[in-house]
C-alpha cells in the first residue's frame, strides 16, 4: 500500500484491508456515476504523443474521466455522498452538538481516537480524486470485472446490532417549537 493510503488508514483508524475495501467502493461509485455529458474529447494524459481517448464528445462521462478542479470536486460530491452512506461509521455527520463536541474532545492520552468529521469528509474527497487518477493510469481498475479488488457490498447490519433508530436520524427543528419573535442565541465554546 503506497504511503498516502497508510496515512488514510492512520487518520481513519483503519487497517490495510479496510482501506482497500474503501478504495474499491470509491472506484465502484466512480465507474457507475454518470455525471455530465462531455462537450469535448477527453484524453489522458491531456498532452503528449501517447494520449488515450477516455470519452468522446457528446458521450456521458463517468466520475473518473474528470480532471481535478473545483468544478470536478462539486460534480464528484455525489460520489462522496454515496461512499459516506456505504460507510456511515466513518463518515456520518454528527447529529447533535454533543456529538460534535465529543469528536473534538481528546481521550485520556490527549489524542483523538479518530479525526473529527470535517476532516474525515475532506479525506474522503481527496481519496475520490486519487482513485479517479489511479483509474486513468491503470486500465485494470476501470472496469469492475478487471479490478483486482472489486467492491462487494456487505449486507446491512441487523436492527439488533444498531443503536436506536433515532440515533441514526438527523436532528430537525419542529416548526411549532420556534418563536419567530425572538432572536436565536447560540452557545459558544472554546476549542482551546
N, C-alpha and C. Protein backbone atom coordinates (compact mmCIF):
# COMPACT_ATOMS: atom_id res chain seq x y z
N UNK A 1 0.86 -1.18 0.00
CA UNK A 1 0.00 0.00 0.00
C UNK A 1 0.90 1.23 0.00
N UNK A 2 0.73 2.15 -0.96
CA UNK A 2 1.55 3.36 -1.01
C UNK A 2 1.36 4.23 0.23
N UNK A 3 2.35 5.08 0.54
CA UNK A 3 2.27 5.92 1.74
C UNK A 3 0.99 6.74 1.90
N UNK A 4 0.39 7.36 0.84
CA UNK A 4 -0.84 8.12 1.09
C UNK A 4 -1.94 7.26 1.70
N UNK A 5 -2.01 6.00 1.29
CA UNK A 5 -3.06 5.12 1.81
C UNK A 5 -2.77 4.72 3.25
N UNK A 6 -1.49 4.63 3.60
CA UNK A 6 -1.13 4.35 5.00
C UNK A 6 -1.56 5.51 5.89
N UNK A 7 -1.38 6.72 5.40
CA UNK A 7 -1.79 7.90 6.17
C UNK A 7 -3.30 7.91 6.35
N UNK A 8 -4.04 7.56 5.30
CA UNK A 8 -5.51 7.48 5.39
C UNK A 8 -5.90 6.46 6.45
N UNK A 9 -5.22 5.32 6.45
CA UNK A 9 -5.50 4.29 7.45
C UNK A 9 -5.28 4.77 8.86
N UNK A 10 -4.22 5.52 9.07
CA UNK A 10 -3.93 6.06 10.40
C UNK A 10 -4.98 7.09 10.80
N UNK A 11 -5.30 8.01 9.89
CA UNK A 11 -6.25 9.08 10.22
C UNK A 11 -7.66 8.55 10.47
N UNK A 12 -8.06 7.53 9.73
CA UNK A 12 -9.41 6.99 9.88
C UNK A 12 -9.45 5.77 10.79
N UNK A 13 -8.30 5.40 11.34
CA UNK A 13 -8.20 4.26 12.26
C UNK A 13 -8.64 2.97 11.56
N UNK A 14 -8.08 2.72 10.37
CA UNK A 14 -8.42 1.55 9.57
C UNK A 14 -7.18 0.71 9.33
N UNK A 15 -7.37 -0.60 9.16
CA UNK A 15 -6.25 -1.45 8.78
C UNK A 15 -6.16 -1.49 7.25
N UNK A 16 -5.15 -2.18 6.72
CA UNK A 16 -4.92 -2.20 5.26
C UNK A 16 -6.11 -2.77 4.50
N UNK A 17 -6.73 -3.82 5.02
CA UNK A 17 -7.87 -4.43 4.33
C UNK A 17 -9.06 -3.47 4.27
N UNK A 18 -9.28 -2.73 5.34
CA UNK A 18 -10.40 -1.78 5.37
C UNK A 18 -10.16 -0.61 4.42
N UNK A 19 -8.91 -0.16 4.32
CA UNK A 19 -8.59 0.91 3.37
C UNK A 19 -8.79 0.40 1.94
N UNK A 20 -8.38 -0.83 1.68
CA UNK A 20 -8.56 -1.43 0.35
C UNK A 20 -10.04 -1.53 0.01
N UNK A 21 -10.86 -1.92 0.98
CA UNK A 21 -12.31 -2.00 0.75
C UNK A 21 -12.90 -0.63 0.46
N UNK A 22 -12.44 0.38 1.18
CA UNK A 22 -12.91 1.75 0.96
C UNK A 22 -12.52 2.23 -0.44
N UNK A 23 -11.29 1.95 -0.86
CA UNK A 23 -10.85 2.33 -2.21
C UNK A 23 -11.68 1.63 -3.28
N UNK A 24 -11.97 0.34 -3.09
CA UNK A 24 -12.74 -0.38 -4.10
C UNK A 24 -14.18 0.15 -4.17
N UNK A 25 -14.74 0.58 -3.05
CA UNK A 25 -16.07 1.19 -3.05
C UNK A 25 -16.05 2.51 -3.82
N UNK A 26 -15.01 3.30 -3.61
CA UNK A 26 -14.88 4.58 -4.33
C UNK A 26 -14.78 4.32 -5.83
N UNK A 27 -13.94 3.36 -6.23
CA UNK A 27 -13.80 3.04 -7.66
C UNK A 27 -15.14 2.56 -8.23
N UNK A 28 -15.86 1.77 -7.46
CA UNK A 28 -17.18 1.28 -7.89
C UNK A 28 -18.11 2.46 -8.17
N UNK A 29 -18.15 3.43 -7.27
CA UNK A 29 -19.01 4.60 -7.45
C UNK A 29 -18.54 5.48 -8.61
N UNK A 30 -17.24 5.61 -8.80
CA UNK A 30 -16.72 6.41 -9.92
C UNK A 30 -17.03 5.76 -11.26
N UNK A 31 -17.11 4.45 -11.29
CA UNK A 31 -17.39 3.73 -12.53
C UNK A 31 -18.82 3.92 -13.00
N UNK A 32 -19.75 3.97 -12.10
CA UNK A 32 -21.16 3.90 -12.47
C UNK A 32 -21.91 5.20 -12.29
N UNK A 33 -21.28 6.23 -11.85
CA UNK A 33 -21.95 7.52 -11.67
C UNK A 33 -21.72 8.36 -12.92
N UNK A 34 -22.69 8.42 -13.80
CA UNK A 34 -22.60 9.29 -14.96
C UNK A 34 -22.95 10.69 -14.49
N UNK A 35 -22.00 11.61 -14.64
CA UNK A 35 -22.20 12.93 -14.06
C UNK A 35 -22.52 14.01 -15.09
N UNK A 36 -21.87 14.01 -16.21
CA UNK A 36 -22.08 15.05 -17.22
C UNK A 36 -21.90 14.46 -18.61
N UNK A 37 -22.28 15.24 -19.60
CA UNK A 37 -22.02 14.89 -21.00
C UNK A 37 -20.81 15.69 -21.44
N UNK A 38 -19.87 15.02 -22.05
CA UNK A 38 -18.63 15.67 -22.47
C UNK A 38 -18.89 16.63 -23.64
N UNK A 39 -18.38 17.84 -23.52
CA UNK A 39 -18.51 18.82 -24.61
C UNK A 39 -17.28 18.79 -25.52
N UNK A 40 -16.32 17.93 -25.18
CA UNK A 40 -15.11 17.77 -26.00
C UNK A 40 -14.55 16.38 -25.73
N UNK A 41 -13.64 15.93 -26.60
CA UNK A 41 -12.99 14.64 -26.38
C UNK A 41 -12.09 14.74 -25.16
N UNK A 42 -12.14 13.72 -24.30
CA UNK A 42 -11.33 13.69 -23.07
C UNK A 42 -10.20 12.69 -23.27
N UNK A 43 -8.96 13.18 -23.13
CA UNK A 43 -7.77 12.36 -23.29
C UNK A 43 -7.01 12.26 -21.98
N UNK A 44 -6.26 11.16 -21.81
CA UNK A 44 -5.34 11.05 -20.68
C UNK A 44 -4.04 10.44 -21.18
N UNK A 45 -2.91 11.01 -20.85
CA UNK A 45 -2.74 12.37 -20.32
C UNK A 45 -3.21 13.39 -21.33
N UNK A 46 -3.48 14.59 -20.83
CA UNK A 46 -4.09 15.61 -21.69
C UNK A 46 -3.16 16.08 -22.79
N UNK A 47 -1.86 15.94 -22.60
CA UNK A 47 -0.90 16.33 -23.64
C UNK A 47 0.06 15.18 -23.87
N UNK A 48 0.74 15.22 -24.99
CA UNK A 48 1.74 14.20 -25.28
C UNK A 48 1.33 13.35 -26.46
N UNK A 49 2.30 12.57 -26.94
CA UNK A 49 2.07 11.75 -28.12
C UNK A 49 1.26 10.50 -27.82
N UNK A 50 1.34 9.97 -26.62
CA UNK A 50 0.66 8.72 -26.29
C UNK A 50 -0.60 8.96 -25.47
N UNK A 51 -1.39 9.96 -25.84
CA UNK A 51 -2.63 10.24 -25.13
C UNK A 51 -3.68 9.19 -25.51
N UNK A 52 -4.48 8.81 -24.53
CA UNK A 52 -5.54 7.82 -24.74
C UNK A 52 -6.89 8.52 -24.66
N UNK A 53 -7.78 8.20 -25.60
CA UNK A 53 -9.13 8.77 -25.59
C UNK A 53 -9.96 8.05 -24.53
N UNK A 54 -10.41 8.81 -23.52
CA UNK A 54 -11.22 8.24 -22.45
C UNK A 54 -12.71 8.37 -22.73
N UNK A 55 -13.10 9.50 -23.32
CA UNK A 55 -14.52 9.77 -23.55
C UNK A 55 -14.67 10.66 -24.79
N UNK A 56 -15.53 10.24 -25.71
CA UNK A 56 -15.75 11.03 -26.92
C UNK A 56 -16.72 12.17 -26.64
N UNK A 57 -16.62 13.20 -27.45
CA UNK A 57 -17.51 14.35 -27.35
C UNK A 57 -18.96 13.89 -27.49
N UNK A 58 -19.82 14.37 -26.59
CA UNK A 58 -21.23 14.03 -26.63
C UNK A 58 -21.61 12.79 -25.83
N UNK A 59 -20.62 12.04 -25.36
CA UNK A 59 -20.91 10.85 -24.56
C UNK A 59 -21.00 11.23 -23.08
N UNK A 60 -21.69 10.40 -22.33
CA UNK A 60 -21.79 10.61 -20.87
C UNK A 60 -20.44 10.29 -20.23
N UNK A 61 -20.02 11.17 -19.34
CA UNK A 61 -18.76 10.97 -18.63
C UNK A 61 -18.99 10.18 -17.35
N UNK A 62 -18.00 9.41 -16.98
CA UNK A 62 -18.01 8.74 -15.69
C UNK A 62 -17.18 9.58 -14.73
N UNK A 63 -17.33 9.33 -13.45
CA UNK A 63 -16.64 10.12 -12.44
C UNK A 63 -15.14 10.15 -12.59
N UNK A 64 -14.54 9.05 -13.05
CA UNK A 64 -13.09 9.01 -13.16
C UNK A 64 -12.57 9.69 -14.42
N UNK A 65 -13.42 10.07 -15.35
CA UNK A 65 -12.98 10.77 -16.56
C UNK A 65 -12.55 12.20 -16.28
N UNK A 66 -13.05 12.79 -15.21
CA UNK A 66 -12.85 14.22 -14.96
C UNK A 66 -11.45 14.53 -14.46
N UNK A 67 -10.95 15.71 -14.84
CA UNK A 67 -9.66 16.19 -14.36
C UNK A 67 -9.87 16.93 -13.05
N UNK A 68 -8.88 16.87 -12.13
CA UNK A 68 -9.05 17.56 -10.84
C UNK A 68 -9.24 19.06 -11.01
N UNK A 69 -10.28 19.60 -10.41
CA UNK A 69 -10.54 21.03 -10.40
C UNK A 69 -11.64 21.29 -9.37
N UNK A 70 -11.94 22.57 -9.14
CA UNK A 70 -13.02 22.90 -8.20
C UNK A 70 -14.36 22.41 -8.72
N UNK A 71 -14.58 22.51 -10.01
CA UNK A 71 -15.83 22.05 -10.61
C UNK A 71 -15.94 20.53 -10.47
N UNK A 72 -14.84 19.83 -10.68
CA UNK A 72 -14.85 18.38 -10.56
C UNK A 72 -15.20 17.96 -9.15
N UNK A 73 -14.66 18.66 -8.15
CA UNK A 73 -14.99 18.34 -6.76
C UNK A 73 -16.48 18.47 -6.51
N UNK A 74 -17.09 19.47 -7.09
CA UNK A 74 -18.54 19.66 -6.95
C UNK A 74 -19.30 18.54 -7.64
N UNK A 75 -18.89 18.18 -8.84
CA UNK A 75 -19.56 17.13 -9.60
C UNK A 75 -19.39 15.78 -8.90
N UNK A 76 -18.21 15.54 -8.33
CA UNK A 76 -17.95 14.27 -7.65
C UNK A 76 -18.55 14.22 -6.25
N UNK A 77 -19.20 15.27 -5.80
CA UNK A 77 -19.78 15.26 -4.45
C UNK A 77 -20.83 14.16 -4.30
N UNK A 78 -21.49 13.78 -5.39
CA UNK A 78 -22.45 12.66 -5.31
C UNK A 78 -21.74 11.36 -5.00
N UNK A 79 -20.53 11.20 -5.51
CA UNK A 79 -19.73 10.02 -5.20
C UNK A 79 -19.33 10.03 -3.74
N UNK A 80 -18.90 11.18 -3.24
CA UNK A 80 -18.53 11.31 -1.83
C UNK A 80 -19.73 10.95 -0.95
N UNK A 81 -20.89 11.46 -1.31
CA UNK A 81 -22.10 11.19 -0.53
C UNK A 81 -22.44 9.70 -0.54
N UNK A 82 -22.36 9.06 -1.71
CA UNK A 82 -22.68 7.63 -1.82
C UNK A 82 -21.73 6.79 -0.98
N UNK A 83 -20.45 7.11 -1.01
CA UNK A 83 -19.47 6.36 -0.21
C UNK A 83 -19.71 6.60 1.27
N UNK A 84 -20.07 7.83 1.64
CA UNK A 84 -20.37 8.13 3.04
C UNK A 84 -21.56 7.31 3.53
N UNK A 85 -22.53 7.07 2.66
CA UNK A 85 -23.67 6.24 3.04
C UNK A 85 -23.28 4.77 3.18
N UNK A 86 -22.31 4.33 2.40
CA UNK A 86 -21.83 2.95 2.49
C UNK A 86 -21.03 2.72 3.77
N UNK A 87 -20.36 3.76 4.27
CA UNK A 87 -19.52 3.66 5.47
C UNK A 87 -19.97 4.68 6.51
N UNK A 88 -21.18 4.53 7.05
CA UNK A 88 -21.68 5.54 7.99
C UNK A 88 -20.87 5.62 9.28
N UNK A 89 -20.24 4.51 9.68
CA UNK A 89 -19.44 4.54 10.90
C UNK A 89 -18.21 5.44 10.76
N UNK A 90 -17.82 5.73 9.53
CA UNK A 90 -16.67 6.62 9.30
C UNK A 90 -17.07 8.04 8.94
N UNK A 91 -18.14 8.18 8.17
CA UNK A 91 -18.43 9.49 7.57
C UNK A 91 -19.79 10.07 7.96
N UNK A 92 -20.43 9.50 8.97
CA UNK A 92 -21.74 10.03 9.38
C UNK A 92 -21.56 11.39 10.05
N UNK A 93 -22.39 12.32 9.64
CA UNK A 93 -22.36 13.66 10.20
C UNK A 93 -22.88 13.63 11.64
N UNK A 94 -22.24 14.37 12.56
CA UNK A 94 -22.77 14.42 13.93
C UNK A 94 -24.19 14.97 13.92
N UNK A 95 -25.06 14.37 14.71
CA UNK A 95 -26.47 14.77 14.71
C UNK A 95 -26.81 15.76 15.81
N UNK A 96 -25.96 15.86 16.81
CA UNK A 96 -26.22 16.78 17.91
C UNK A 96 -24.96 17.57 18.22
N UNK A 97 -25.14 18.64 18.95
CA UNK A 97 -24.00 19.45 19.38
C UNK A 97 -23.08 18.65 20.30
N UNK A 98 -23.65 17.77 21.10
CA UNK A 98 -22.85 16.93 21.99
C UNK A 98 -21.96 15.97 21.19
N UNK A 99 -22.53 15.38 20.12
CA UNK A 99 -21.74 14.51 19.26
C UNK A 99 -20.60 15.28 18.61
N UNK A 100 -20.90 16.49 18.17
CA UNK A 100 -19.88 17.34 17.55
C UNK A 100 -18.76 17.64 18.55
N UNK A 101 -19.12 18.03 19.76
CA UNK A 101 -18.12 18.35 20.78
C UNK A 101 -17.32 17.12 21.20
N UNK A 102 -17.98 15.98 21.25
CA UNK A 102 -17.30 14.75 21.65
C UNK A 102 -16.15 14.44 20.69
N UNK A 103 -16.35 14.71 19.40
CA UNK A 103 -15.29 14.46 18.43
C UNK A 103 -14.07 15.35 18.66
N UNK A 104 -14.29 16.51 19.24
CA UNK A 104 -13.19 17.45 19.48
C UNK A 104 -12.62 17.33 20.89
N UNK A 105 -13.03 16.30 21.62
CA UNK A 105 -12.52 16.08 22.96
C UNK A 105 -11.48 14.97 22.92
N UNK A 106 -10.24 15.27 23.32
CA UNK A 106 -9.22 14.22 23.29
C UNK A 106 -9.48 13.15 24.35
N UNK A 107 -8.95 11.96 24.12
CA UNK A 107 -9.13 10.87 25.08
C UNK A 107 -8.15 11.05 26.25
N UNK A 108 -8.06 10.05 27.11
CA UNK A 108 -7.22 10.16 28.31
C UNK A 108 -5.74 10.30 27.98
N UNK A 109 -5.35 9.92 26.78
CA UNK A 109 -3.95 10.04 26.35
C UNK A 109 -3.67 11.37 25.66
N UNK A 110 -4.68 12.24 25.59
CA UNK A 110 -4.51 13.53 24.94
C UNK A 110 -4.55 13.44 23.43
N UNK A 111 -5.11 12.36 22.89
CA UNK A 111 -5.19 12.14 21.44
C UNK A 111 -6.65 12.01 21.02
N UNK A 112 -6.87 12.18 19.74
CA UNK A 112 -8.20 11.95 19.18
C UNK A 112 -8.22 10.52 18.65
N UNK A 113 -9.21 9.71 19.03
CA UNK A 113 -9.26 8.34 18.53
C UNK A 113 -9.46 8.28 17.01
N UNK A 114 -10.15 9.26 16.47
CA UNK A 114 -10.35 9.38 15.02
C UNK A 114 -10.47 10.87 14.73
N UNK A 115 -10.03 11.28 13.57
CA UNK A 115 -10.08 12.71 13.26
C UNK A 115 -11.54 13.18 13.19
N UNK A 116 -11.83 14.43 13.54
CA UNK A 116 -13.20 14.94 13.52
C UNK A 116 -13.84 14.88 12.13
N UNK A 117 -15.17 14.94 12.12
CA UNK A 117 -15.98 14.74 10.92
C UNK A 117 -15.55 15.59 9.73
N UNK A 118 -15.31 16.89 9.96
CA UNK A 118 -14.98 17.77 8.84
C UNK A 118 -13.74 17.26 8.11
N UNK A 119 -12.77 16.79 8.85
CA UNK A 119 -11.54 16.30 8.24
C UNK A 119 -11.76 14.94 7.58
N UNK A 120 -12.60 14.09 8.16
CA UNK A 120 -12.88 12.79 7.54
C UNK A 120 -13.54 12.97 6.18
N UNK A 121 -14.49 13.90 6.07
CA UNK A 121 -15.14 14.15 4.78
C UNK A 121 -14.14 14.72 3.78
N UNK A 122 -13.24 15.57 4.25
CA UNK A 122 -12.21 16.14 3.37
C UNK A 122 -11.26 15.04 2.89
N UNK A 123 -10.90 14.13 3.78
CA UNK A 123 -10.05 13.00 3.42
C UNK A 123 -10.76 12.15 2.36
N UNK A 124 -12.05 11.92 2.54
CA UNK A 124 -12.82 11.14 1.57
C UNK A 124 -12.82 11.82 0.20
N UNK A 125 -13.01 13.13 0.17
CA UNK A 125 -13.00 13.85 -1.12
C UNK A 125 -11.64 13.71 -1.80
N UNK A 126 -10.55 13.77 -1.03
CA UNK A 126 -9.21 13.60 -1.60
C UNK A 126 -9.01 12.17 -2.11
N UNK A 127 -9.56 11.21 -1.36
CA UNK A 127 -9.45 9.81 -1.79
C UNK A 127 -10.17 9.60 -3.12
N UNK A 128 -11.31 10.25 -3.30
CA UNK A 128 -12.05 10.14 -4.56
C UNK A 128 -11.20 10.68 -5.70
N UNK A 129 -10.54 11.82 -5.50
CA UNK A 129 -9.67 12.38 -6.53
C UNK A 129 -8.52 11.44 -6.86
N UNK A 130 -7.89 10.88 -5.83
CA UNK A 130 -6.75 9.98 -6.04
C UNK A 130 -7.19 8.72 -6.77
N UNK A 131 -8.32 8.15 -6.38
CA UNK A 131 -8.82 6.95 -7.05
C UNK A 131 -9.16 7.23 -8.51
N UNK A 132 -9.71 8.40 -8.79
CA UNK A 132 -10.00 8.78 -10.17
C UNK A 132 -8.74 8.85 -11.01
N UNK A 133 -7.68 9.42 -10.45
CA UNK A 133 -6.40 9.49 -11.17
C UNK A 133 -5.79 8.09 -11.36
N UNK A 134 -5.91 7.24 -10.34
CA UNK A 134 -5.40 5.87 -10.47
C UNK A 134 -6.13 5.11 -11.57
N UNK A 135 -7.43 5.34 -11.70
CA UNK A 135 -8.21 4.66 -12.72
C UNK A 135 -7.81 5.12 -14.12
N UNK A 136 -7.39 6.37 -14.25
CA UNK A 136 -6.92 6.84 -15.55
C UNK A 136 -5.61 6.17 -15.93
N UNK A 137 -4.74 5.97 -14.95
CA UNK A 137 -3.41 5.40 -15.20
C UNK A 137 -3.45 3.88 -15.38
N UNK A 138 -4.27 3.19 -14.60
CA UNK A 138 -4.30 1.73 -14.59
C UNK A 138 -5.60 1.23 -15.22
N UNK A 139 -5.50 0.65 -16.40
CA UNK A 139 -6.68 0.21 -17.14
C UNK A 139 -7.44 -0.91 -16.42
N UNK A 140 -6.75 -1.70 -15.61
CA UNK A 140 -7.42 -2.80 -14.92
C UNK A 140 -8.41 -2.30 -13.86
N UNK A 141 -8.26 -1.07 -13.40
CA UNK A 141 -9.16 -0.53 -12.38
C UNK A 141 -10.43 0.07 -12.98
N UNK A 142 -10.47 0.25 -14.28
CA UNK A 142 -11.59 0.95 -14.92
C UNK A 142 -12.88 0.15 -14.95
N UNK A 143 -12.79 -1.15 -15.09
CA UNK A 143 -13.99 -1.99 -15.14
C UNK A 143 -14.04 -2.88 -13.90
N UNK A 144 -15.23 -3.10 -13.39
CA UNK A 144 -15.37 -3.93 -12.21
C UNK A 144 -14.88 -5.35 -12.42
N UNK A 145 -15.02 -5.86 -13.64
CA UNK A 145 -14.61 -7.23 -13.93
C UNK A 145 -13.10 -7.40 -13.88
N UNK A 146 -12.34 -6.35 -14.17
CA UNK A 146 -10.88 -6.46 -14.18
C UNK A 146 -10.23 -5.85 -12.94
N UNK A 147 -11.02 -5.29 -12.05
CA UNK A 147 -10.49 -4.70 -10.81
C UNK A 147 -9.91 -5.82 -9.95
N UNK A 148 -8.64 -5.69 -9.51
CA UNK A 148 -8.05 -6.75 -8.69
C UNK A 148 -8.77 -6.94 -7.35
N UNK A 149 -9.37 -5.90 -6.83
CA UNK A 149 -10.11 -5.97 -5.56
C UNK A 149 -11.49 -5.36 -5.76
N UNK A 150 -12.42 -6.05 -6.47
CA UNK A 150 -13.74 -5.46 -6.72
C UNK A 150 -14.51 -5.27 -5.42
N UNK A 151 -15.39 -4.28 -5.43
CA UNK A 151 -16.18 -3.97 -4.23
C UNK A 151 -17.33 -4.94 -4.10
N UNK A 152 -17.44 -5.53 -2.94
CA UNK A 152 -18.56 -6.41 -2.63
C UNK A 152 -19.32 -5.78 -1.49
N UNK A 153 -20.51 -5.31 -1.79
CA UNK A 153 -21.32 -4.64 -0.78
C UNK A 153 -21.70 -5.64 0.30
N UNK A 154 -21.47 -5.24 1.54
CA UNK A 154 -21.80 -6.09 2.67
C UNK A 154 -23.27 -5.89 3.03
N UNK A 155 -23.92 -6.93 3.55
CA UNK A 155 -25.32 -6.75 3.93
C UNK A 155 -25.45 -5.74 5.07
N UNK A 156 -26.56 -5.04 5.08
CA UNK A 156 -26.81 -4.04 6.12
C UNK A 156 -26.88 -4.73 7.47
N UNK A 157 -26.40 -4.05 8.53
CA UNK A 157 -26.46 -4.66 9.86
C UNK A 157 -27.90 -4.86 10.31
N UNK A 158 -28.10 -5.88 11.12
CA UNK A 158 -29.45 -6.16 11.61
C UNK A 158 -29.87 -5.09 12.60
N UNK A 159 -31.18 -4.88 12.77
CA UNK A 159 -31.65 -3.84 13.69
C UNK A 159 -31.18 -4.06 15.13
N UNK A 160 -30.95 -5.33 15.52
CA UNK A 160 -30.50 -5.60 16.88
C UNK A 160 -29.09 -5.07 17.12
N UNK A 161 -28.26 -5.05 16.08
CA UNK A 161 -26.87 -4.63 16.25
C UNK A 161 -26.68 -3.12 16.18
N UNK A 162 -27.69 -2.41 15.73
CA UNK A 162 -27.57 -0.96 15.64
C UNK A 162 -28.18 -0.31 16.86
N UNK A 163 -27.82 0.92 17.07
CA UNK A 163 -28.42 1.66 18.18
C UNK A 163 -29.84 2.06 17.81
N UNK A 164 -30.46 2.83 18.63
CA UNK A 164 -31.85 3.22 18.38
C UNK A 164 -31.97 3.91 17.03
N UNK A 165 -33.10 3.74 16.35
CA UNK A 165 -33.26 4.38 15.05
C UNK A 165 -33.13 5.90 15.12
N UNK A 166 -33.53 6.48 16.23
CA UNK A 166 -33.44 7.94 16.35
C UNK A 166 -32.00 8.41 16.33
N UNK A 167 -31.07 7.55 16.76
CA UNK A 167 -29.66 7.94 16.78
C UNK A 167 -29.11 8.07 15.37
N UNK A 168 -29.75 7.42 14.40
CA UNK A 168 -29.26 7.47 13.03
C UNK A 168 -29.92 8.56 12.20
N UNK A 169 -30.85 9.30 12.79
CA UNK A 169 -31.55 10.34 12.05
C UNK A 169 -30.94 11.69 12.33
N UNK A 170 -31.07 12.59 11.39
CA UNK A 170 -30.60 13.96 11.56
C UNK A 170 -31.56 14.72 12.47
N UNK A 171 -31.00 15.61 13.24
CA UNK A 171 -31.84 16.44 14.10
C UNK A 171 -32.62 17.42 13.25
N UNK A 172 -33.82 17.76 13.68
CA UNK A 172 -34.61 18.74 12.95
C UNK A 172 -35.33 19.63 13.94
N UNK A 173 -35.69 20.79 13.50
CA UNK A 173 -36.40 21.76 14.34
C UNK A 173 -37.86 21.70 13.96
N UNK A 174 -38.71 21.48 14.94
CA UNK A 174 -40.15 21.46 14.69
C UNK A 174 -40.63 22.89 14.51
N UNK A 175 -41.46 23.14 13.52
CA UNK A 175 -41.95 24.48 13.23
C UNK A 175 -42.74 25.05 14.40
N UNK A 176 -43.47 24.21 15.13
CA UNK A 176 -44.29 24.70 16.23
C UNK A 176 -43.45 25.12 17.44
N UNK A 177 -42.21 24.66 17.52
CA UNK A 177 -41.38 24.98 18.68
C UNK A 177 -40.56 26.25 18.51
N UNK A 178 -40.58 26.85 17.33
CA UNK A 178 -39.79 28.05 17.12
C UNK A 178 -40.60 29.28 17.46
N UNK A 179 -39.93 30.25 18.02
CA UNK A 179 -40.56 31.53 18.35
C UNK A 179 -40.00 32.55 17.38
N UNK A 180 -40.80 32.98 16.43
CA UNK A 180 -40.30 33.88 15.39
C UNK A 180 -40.05 35.28 15.90
N UNK A 181 -40.58 35.63 17.06
CA UNK A 181 -40.41 36.98 17.58
C UNK A 181 -39.11 37.19 18.32
N UNK A 182 -38.43 36.13 18.71
CA UNK A 182 -37.18 36.29 19.47
C UNK A 182 -35.99 35.90 18.61
N UNK A 183 -34.84 36.42 18.96
CA UNK A 183 -33.63 36.10 18.20
C UNK A 183 -33.09 34.75 18.66
N UNK A 184 -32.38 34.11 17.78
CA UNK A 184 -31.77 32.83 18.12
C UNK A 184 -30.44 33.08 18.80
N UNK A 185 -30.23 32.43 19.92
CA UNK A 185 -28.96 32.56 20.63
C UNK A 185 -28.22 31.24 20.50
N UNK A 186 -26.94 31.32 20.24
CA UNK A 186 -26.13 30.13 20.13
C UNK A 186 -25.14 30.08 21.28
N UNK A 187 -24.89 28.90 21.71
CA UNK A 187 -23.91 28.70 22.77
C UNK A 187 -22.54 28.58 22.11
N UNK A 188 -21.57 29.31 22.59
CA UNK A 188 -20.23 29.28 22.03
C UNK A 188 -19.31 28.52 22.98
N UNK A 189 -18.37 27.79 22.40
CA UNK A 189 -17.43 27.06 23.22
C UNK A 189 -16.02 27.46 22.84
N UNK A 190 -15.11 27.21 23.72
CA UNK A 190 -13.71 27.47 23.45
C UNK A 190 -13.06 26.16 23.05
N UNK A 191 -12.34 26.15 21.96
CA UNK A 191 -11.68 24.93 21.48
C UNK A 191 -10.22 24.89 21.92
N UNK A 192 -9.92 25.53 23.00
CA UNK A 192 -8.54 25.55 23.49
C UNK A 192 -8.20 24.26 24.17
